[in-house]
N, C-alpha and C. Protein backbone atom coordinates (compact mmCIF):
# COMPACT_ATOMS: atom_id res chain seq x y z
N UNK A 1 135.55 -60.88 259.89
CA UNK A 1 135.77 -61.88 258.93
C UNK A 1 136.66 -61.42 258.04
N UNK A 2 137.96 -62.01 258.04
CA UNK A 2 139.01 -61.63 257.31
C UNK A 2 138.88 -62.13 255.84
N UNK A 3 138.85 -61.04 254.93
CA UNK A 3 138.70 -61.83 253.34
C UNK A 3 140.03 -61.90 252.54
N UNK A 4 140.99 -61.83 253.24
CA UNK A 4 142.31 -61.62 252.86
C UNK A 4 142.65 -62.92 251.56
N UNK A 5 142.04 -64.18 252.13
CA UNK A 5 142.23 -65.31 251.18
C UNK A 5 141.11 -65.88 250.83
N UNK A 6 140.02 -65.25 250.75
CA UNK A 6 138.77 -65.62 250.13
C UNK A 6 138.87 -65.93 248.72
N UNK A 7 137.93 -66.67 248.25
CA UNK A 7 137.70 -66.94 246.94
C UNK A 7 136.88 -66.04 246.30
N UNK A 8 136.68 -65.98 244.89
CA UNK A 8 135.88 -65.36 244.34
C UNK A 8 134.21 -65.68 244.62
N UNK A 9 134.11 -67.21 244.66
CA UNK A 9 132.80 -67.57 245.03
C UNK A 9 132.53 -67.31 246.34
N UNK A 10 133.23 -67.11 247.37
CA UNK A 10 132.94 -66.60 248.77
C UNK A 10 132.64 -65.02 248.67
N UNK A 11 133.75 -64.32 248.08
CA UNK A 11 133.50 -63.01 248.20
C UNK A 11 131.99 -62.73 247.33
N UNK A 12 131.80 -63.26 246.36
CA UNK A 12 130.52 -63.14 245.95
C UNK A 12 129.30 -63.44 246.74
N UNK A 13 129.57 -64.23 247.35
CA UNK A 13 128.29 -64.98 248.34
C UNK A 13 128.12 -63.83 249.56
N UNK A 14 129.35 -63.45 250.19
CA UNK A 14 129.32 -62.46 251.14
C UNK A 14 128.57 -60.79 250.62
N UNK A 15 129.10 -60.61 249.63
CA UNK A 15 128.39 -59.40 248.59
C UNK A 15 127.05 -59.54 248.42
N UNK A 16 126.62 -60.60 247.93
CA UNK A 16 124.91 -61.01 247.87
C UNK A 16 124.39 -61.12 248.89
N UNK A 17 124.77 -61.45 250.19
CA UNK A 17 124.10 -61.35 251.47
C UNK A 17 124.14 -59.90 251.87
N UNK A 18 125.03 -59.32 251.72
CA UNK A 18 125.24 -57.80 252.39
C UNK A 18 124.15 -56.95 251.07
N UNK A 19 124.04 -57.15 249.91
CA UNK A 19 123.20 -56.48 249.14
C UNK A 19 121.73 -56.80 249.45
N UNK A 20 121.43 -58.20 249.69
CA UNK A 20 120.09 -58.74 250.20
C UNK A 20 119.60 -57.98 251.54
N UNK A 21 120.74 -57.78 252.67
CA UNK A 21 120.30 -57.15 253.65
C UNK A 21 119.85 -55.69 253.37
N UNK A 22 120.62 -55.05 252.77
CA UNK A 22 120.64 -53.63 252.34
C UNK A 22 119.07 -53.16 251.72
N UNK A 23 118.90 -54.32 250.72
CA UNK A 23 117.54 -54.01 250.21
C UNK A 23 116.26 -54.48 251.06
N UNK A 24 116.49 -55.23 251.98
CA UNK A 24 115.49 -55.36 253.21
C UNK A 24 115.58 -54.11 254.10
N UNK A 25 116.74 -53.61 254.44
CA UNK A 25 116.31 -52.50 255.26
C UNK A 25 115.84 -51.30 254.44
N UNK A 26 115.85 -51.24 253.19
CA UNK A 26 115.31 -50.31 252.22
C UNK A 26 114.04 -50.60 251.40
N UNK A 27 113.10 -51.48 252.46
CA UNK A 27 111.91 -51.75 252.27
C UNK A 27 111.41 -52.56 250.77
N UNK A 28 112.34 -53.38 250.51
CA UNK A 28 112.22 -54.32 249.59
C UNK A 28 111.99 -55.81 249.98
N UNK A 29 111.22 -56.43 249.46
CA UNK A 29 111.17 -57.71 249.91
C UNK A 29 111.75 -58.89 248.96
N UNK A 30 112.65 -59.26 249.33
CA UNK A 30 113.39 -60.29 248.65
C UNK A 30 112.72 -61.69 248.39
N UNK A 31 112.57 -61.68 247.03
CA UNK A 31 111.53 -62.77 246.64
C UNK A 31 112.44 -64.13 246.43
N UNK A 32 113.66 -64.07 245.68
CA UNK A 32 114.46 -65.28 245.14
C UNK A 32 115.94 -64.68 245.09
N UNK A 33 116.65 -65.50 245.29
CA UNK A 33 118.12 -65.45 245.29
C UNK A 33 119.02 -66.64 244.24
N UNK A 34 119.91 -66.24 243.66
CA UNK A 34 120.66 -67.35 242.83
C UNK A 34 119.90 -68.32 241.82
N UNK A 35 119.02 -67.78 241.25
CA UNK A 35 118.37 -68.29 240.16
C UNK A 35 119.18 -68.70 238.93
N UNK A 36 119.23 -69.90 238.59
CA UNK A 36 120.14 -70.27 237.24
C UNK A 36 119.00 -70.73 236.48
N UNK A 37 119.55 -70.28 235.04
CA UNK A 37 118.98 -70.91 233.84
C UNK A 37 119.77 -70.84 232.79
N UNK A 38 119.42 -71.63 231.73
CA UNK A 38 120.38 -71.62 230.60
C UNK A 38 120.66 -70.44 230.07
N UNK A 39 120.05 -69.08 230.28
CA UNK A 39 120.16 -67.93 229.93
C UNK A 39 121.30 -67.05 230.77
N UNK A 40 121.31 -67.72 231.75
CA UNK A 40 122.10 -66.85 232.79
C UNK A 40 121.46 -67.24 234.24
N UNK A 41 122.11 -66.31 235.14
CA UNK A 41 121.92 -66.36 236.52
C UNK A 41 121.52 -64.83 237.24
N UNK A 42 120.49 -65.30 237.98
CA UNK A 42 119.50 -63.81 238.57
C UNK A 42 120.45 -63.82 239.97
N UNK A 43 120.80 -62.68 240.27
CA UNK A 43 121.34 -62.82 241.71
C UNK A 43 120.26 -62.76 243.00
N UNK A 44 119.43 -61.58 242.64
CA UNK A 44 118.37 -61.29 243.73
C UNK A 44 117.14 -60.82 242.76
N UNK A 45 116.11 -61.23 243.35
CA UNK A 45 114.69 -60.96 242.85
C UNK A 45 114.16 -60.18 244.05
N UNK A 46 113.51 -59.01 243.89
CA UNK A 46 113.26 -58.43 245.00
C UNK A 46 111.68 -57.87 244.46
N UNK A 47 111.02 -57.37 245.39
CA UNK A 47 109.84 -56.39 244.87
C UNK A 47 109.78 -55.49 246.21
N UNK A 48 109.24 -54.47 245.58
CA UNK A 48 109.09 -53.21 246.48
C UNK A 48 107.95 -52.30 245.80
N UNK A 49 106.85 -52.19 246.67
CA UNK A 49 105.56 -51.72 246.24
C UNK A 49 105.10 -52.64 245.27
N UNK A 50 104.57 -52.35 244.08
CA UNK A 50 104.13 -53.11 242.83
C UNK A 50 105.07 -53.46 241.69
N UNK A 51 106.39 -53.47 242.10
CA UNK A 51 107.41 -53.40 241.02
C UNK A 51 108.27 -54.49 241.55
N UNK A 52 108.58 -55.50 240.48
CA UNK A 52 109.65 -56.69 240.81
C UNK A 52 110.94 -56.02 240.50
N UNK A 53 112.13 -56.29 241.07
CA UNK A 53 113.48 -55.85 240.65
C UNK A 53 114.19 -56.72 240.42
N UNK A 54 114.94 -57.11 239.25
CA UNK A 54 115.74 -57.90 239.22
C UNK A 54 117.04 -57.60 239.18
N UNK A 55 118.09 -57.91 240.18
CA UNK A 55 119.33 -57.31 240.79
C UNK A 55 120.27 -57.59 240.49
N UNK A 56 121.52 -57.17 239.68
CA UNK A 56 122.62 -57.95 239.74
C UNK A 56 123.61 -57.41 240.47
N UNK A 57 124.38 -58.36 241.01
CA UNK A 57 125.15 -57.57 242.13
C UNK A 57 126.56 -57.85 241.90
N UNK A 58 127.68 -56.98 242.08
CA UNK A 58 128.79 -57.08 241.62
C UNK A 58 129.75 -56.76 243.11
N UNK A 59 130.81 -57.63 243.51
CA UNK A 59 131.40 -57.24 244.83
C UNK A 59 132.92 -57.23 244.49
N UNK A 60 133.51 -56.45 245.20
CA UNK A 60 135.13 -56.73 245.10
C UNK A 60 135.55 -56.49 246.67
N UNK A 61 136.76 -56.81 246.78
CA UNK A 61 137.52 -56.43 248.11
C UNK A 61 138.35 -55.43 248.03
N UNK A 62 138.49 -54.59 249.22
CA UNK A 62 139.33 -53.36 248.78
C UNK A 62 139.89 -53.27 250.53
N UNK A 63 141.07 -52.64 250.68
CA UNK A 63 141.65 -52.43 251.57
C UNK A 63 141.00 -51.26 252.43
N UNK A 64 140.41 -50.20 251.76
CA UNK A 64 139.70 -49.11 252.40
C UNK A 64 138.58 -48.68 251.64
N UNK A 65 137.42 -48.19 252.05
CA UNK A 65 136.18 -48.09 250.99
C UNK A 65 136.60 -46.48 250.56
N UNK A 66 136.37 -46.58 249.17
CA UNK A 66 136.47 -45.41 248.31
C UNK A 66 135.84 -44.25 248.95
N UNK A 67 136.42 -42.89 248.63
CA UNK A 67 135.69 -41.66 249.54
C UNK A 67 134.76 -41.40 248.89
N UNK A 68 134.57 -41.51 247.57
CA UNK A 68 133.52 -41.19 246.73
C UNK A 68 133.43 -42.38 245.64
N UNK A 69 132.51 -42.55 244.97
CA UNK A 69 132.60 -43.49 244.22
C UNK A 69 132.55 -43.11 242.51
N UNK A 70 132.88 -41.70 242.44
CA UNK A 70 133.28 -41.68 240.99
C UNK A 70 134.63 -40.82 241.00
N UNK A 71 135.58 -41.21 241.74
CA UNK A 71 137.01 -40.73 241.58
C UNK A 71 138.01 -41.31 240.58
N UNK A 72 137.41 -42.51 240.26
CA UNK A 72 138.37 -43.33 239.52
C UNK A 72 139.54 -43.81 240.29
N UNK A 73 139.81 -43.66 241.47
CA UNK A 73 141.01 -43.90 242.38
C UNK A 73 141.07 -45.38 242.57
N UNK A 74 139.93 -45.99 242.83
CA UNK A 74 139.63 -47.51 243.27
C UNK A 74 139.01 -48.46 242.06
N UNK A 75 139.09 -49.53 242.24
CA UNK A 75 138.31 -50.55 241.29
C UNK A 75 136.85 -50.14 241.64
N UNK A 76 136.39 -50.03 240.41
CA UNK A 76 134.63 -49.74 240.64
C UNK A 76 134.04 -51.03 240.13
N UNK A 77 133.15 -51.78 240.83
CA UNK A 77 132.38 -53.16 240.28
C UNK A 77 131.75 -52.70 239.29
N UNK A 78 131.04 -51.65 239.25
CA UNK A 78 130.27 -51.23 238.22
C UNK A 78 130.72 -51.42 236.98
N UNK A 79 132.14 -51.42 236.88
CA UNK A 79 132.93 -51.98 235.61
C UNK A 79 132.41 -52.91 235.08
N UNK A 80 132.21 -54.01 235.76
CA UNK A 80 131.59 -55.47 235.48
C UNK A 80 129.86 -55.27 234.84
N UNK A 81 129.48 -54.38 235.23
CA UNK A 81 127.99 -54.13 234.67
C UNK A 81 127.94 -53.69 233.22
N UNK A 82 128.56 -54.92 232.42
CA UNK A 82 128.86 -54.22 230.98
C UNK A 82 127.57 -54.57 230.09
N UNK A 83 127.36 -54.22 228.88
CA UNK A 83 126.16 -54.36 228.36
C UNK A 83 126.00 -55.92 227.93
N UNK A 84 127.11 -56.87 227.84
CA UNK A 84 126.79 -58.24 227.65
C UNK A 84 125.88 -58.58 228.70
N UNK A 85 126.71 -58.34 229.94
CA UNK A 85 126.17 -58.90 231.32
C UNK A 85 124.71 -58.44 231.29
N UNK A 86 124.60 -57.32 231.16
CA UNK A 86 122.96 -56.60 231.23
C UNK A 86 122.50 -57.24 230.35
N UNK A 87 122.41 -57.49 229.35
CA UNK A 87 121.52 -58.07 228.34
C UNK A 87 121.32 -59.67 228.81
N UNK A 88 122.18 -60.26 229.22
CA UNK A 88 121.96 -61.84 229.71
C UNK A 88 121.02 -61.66 230.97
N UNK A 89 121.18 -60.72 231.90
CA UNK A 89 120.24 -60.55 232.94
C UNK A 89 118.98 -60.20 232.67
N UNK A 90 118.63 -59.19 231.59
CA UNK A 90 117.39 -59.09 230.86
C UNK A 90 116.88 -60.52 230.54
N UNK A 91 117.42 -60.99 229.76
CA UNK A 91 116.93 -62.25 229.19
C UNK A 91 116.44 -63.26 230.27
N UNK A 92 117.32 -63.39 231.18
CA UNK A 92 116.90 -64.28 232.23
C UNK A 92 115.89 -63.66 233.12
N UNK A 93 115.81 -62.55 233.23
CA UNK A 93 114.91 -61.85 234.01
C UNK A 93 113.31 -62.20 233.27
N UNK A 94 113.57 -61.74 231.93
CA UNK A 94 112.27 -62.04 231.24
C UNK A 94 111.73 -63.63 231.40
N UNK A 95 112.70 -64.39 231.20
CA UNK A 95 112.31 -65.96 231.35
C UNK A 95 111.50 -66.25 233.03
N UNK A 96 112.47 -65.75 233.70
CA UNK A 96 111.80 -65.77 235.36
C UNK A 96 110.46 -65.34 235.31
N UNK A 97 110.24 -63.99 235.10
CA UNK A 97 108.99 -63.21 235.22
C UNK A 97 107.72 -64.21 234.44
N UNK A 98 108.20 -64.68 233.51
CA UNK A 98 107.22 -65.37 232.45
C UNK A 98 106.83 -66.52 233.19
N UNK A 99 107.69 -67.37 233.71
CA UNK A 99 107.75 -68.63 234.62
C UNK A 99 106.76 -68.25 235.69
N UNK A 100 107.00 -67.26 236.45
CA UNK A 100 105.96 -66.97 237.58
C UNK A 100 104.96 -66.10 237.18
N UNK A 101 104.60 -65.92 235.79
CA UNK A 101 103.17 -65.31 235.40
C UNK A 101 103.24 -63.87 235.99
N UNK A 102 104.30 -63.11 236.09
CA UNK A 102 103.99 -61.85 236.36
C UNK A 102 103.83 -60.83 235.36
N UNK A 103 102.57 -60.05 235.53
CA UNK A 103 102.21 -59.22 234.43
C UNK A 103 102.38 -57.80 234.60
N UNK A 104 103.04 -57.49 235.95
CA UNK A 104 103.02 -55.98 236.34
C UNK A 104 104.40 -55.74 235.94
N UNK A 105 104.77 -54.33 236.41
CA UNK A 105 106.22 -53.58 236.34
C UNK A 105 107.17 -54.32 236.72
N UNK A 106 108.53 -53.86 235.87
CA UNK A 106 109.58 -54.78 236.50
C UNK A 106 110.72 -53.99 235.97
N UNK A 107 111.94 -54.21 236.56
CA UNK A 107 113.17 -53.41 236.23
C UNK A 107 114.38 -54.08 236.54
N UNK A 108 115.56 -53.76 235.85
CA UNK A 108 116.66 -54.41 236.09
C UNK A 108 117.52 -53.19 236.66
N UNK A 109 118.08 -53.72 237.93
CA UNK A 109 118.98 -52.89 238.76
C UNK A 109 120.24 -53.50 239.19
N UNK A 110 121.29 -52.55 239.62
CA UNK A 110 122.68 -53.07 239.92
C UNK A 110 122.84 -52.58 241.40
N UNK A 111 123.41 -53.77 242.11
CA UNK A 111 123.97 -53.36 243.38
C UNK A 111 125.56 -53.41 243.54
N UNK A 112 126.32 -52.58 243.73
CA UNK A 112 127.80 -52.92 243.98
C UNK A 112 128.13 -52.76 245.27
N UNK A 113 128.94 -53.86 245.59
CA UNK A 113 129.45 -53.93 246.94
C UNK A 113 130.79 -54.16 247.22
N UNK A 114 131.48 -53.04 248.06
CA UNK A 114 132.76 -53.26 248.15
C UNK A 114 133.05 -53.56 249.59
N UNK A 115 134.09 -54.69 249.98
CA UNK A 115 134.01 -55.54 251.27
C UNK A 115 135.45 -55.18 251.83
N UNK A 116 135.42 -54.80 253.00
CA UNK A 116 136.93 -54.17 253.67
C UNK A 116 137.41 -55.66 253.79
N UNK A 117 138.96 -55.95 253.35
CA UNK A 117 139.51 -56.94 253.40
C UNK A 117 139.77 -57.37 254.88
N UNK A 118 139.92 -56.50 255.83
CA UNK A 118 140.52 -57.16 257.13
C UNK A 118 139.18 -57.48 257.93
N UNK A 119 138.14 -56.93 257.70
CA UNK A 119 136.78 -57.45 258.84
C UNK A 119 135.62 -57.61 257.77
N UNK A 120 135.75 -57.55 256.53
CA UNK A 120 134.42 -57.88 255.71
C UNK A 120 133.32 -56.83 255.81
N UNK A 121 133.42 -55.64 256.60
CA UNK A 121 132.65 -54.81 256.71
C UNK A 121 132.38 -54.42 255.23
N UNK A 122 130.76 -54.15 254.93
CA UNK A 122 130.42 -53.96 253.28
C UNK A 122 130.06 -52.48 253.42
N UNK A 123 130.33 -51.87 252.03
CA UNK A 123 129.63 -50.68 251.73
C UNK A 123 128.84 -50.95 250.51
N UNK A 124 127.61 -50.77 250.60
CA UNK A 124 126.72 -50.85 249.26
C UNK A 124 126.19 -49.83 248.47
N UNK A 125 126.17 -49.90 247.15
CA UNK A 125 125.67 -48.82 246.54
C UNK A 125 124.55 -49.66 245.54
N UNK A 126 123.47 -48.98 245.65
CA UNK A 126 122.09 -49.45 244.80
C UNK A 126 122.11 -48.66 243.51
N UNK A 127 121.93 -49.41 242.65
CA UNK A 127 121.99 -48.52 241.07
C UNK A 127 120.65 -48.82 240.63
N UNK A 128 119.48 -48.04 240.36
CA UNK A 128 118.20 -48.34 239.90
C UNK A 128 118.25 -48.39 238.32
N UNK A 129 117.59 -48.91 237.57
CA UNK A 129 117.49 -48.77 236.26
C UNK A 129 118.59 -49.05 235.63
N UNK A 130 119.59 -50.29 235.65
CA UNK A 130 120.83 -50.01 234.67
C UNK A 130 120.52 -50.37 233.18
N UNK A 131 119.16 -50.50 232.87
CA UNK A 131 119.11 -50.83 231.55
C UNK A 131 118.16 -49.45 231.03
């Protein structure tokens, strides 16, 4: 799939799908996706063992994957995981878990996804405990 002319919404959808697949392959059970509330939106809610993970996904399109994640040579989607956005995810996560009557442990994580422009192949990086 060529992403050269994809909309931001399409890129986000493809990135979230790649993130969910990554999580499944790493023994997470995806419980919910794209939960909207007046306080914000939750991209993915997943569970691994006895912990619920509220996961914020950030995606970007690139021509080539970065060789390393910390070189500063390429746009890094983690730049979009700013404190304001994270606070909104935490508030929405608190609401969601209260609605579900979850009494156990939970955490907020991030997943960043680089999507290669010419074929849509994804490189995923999971970042636990972004709070």
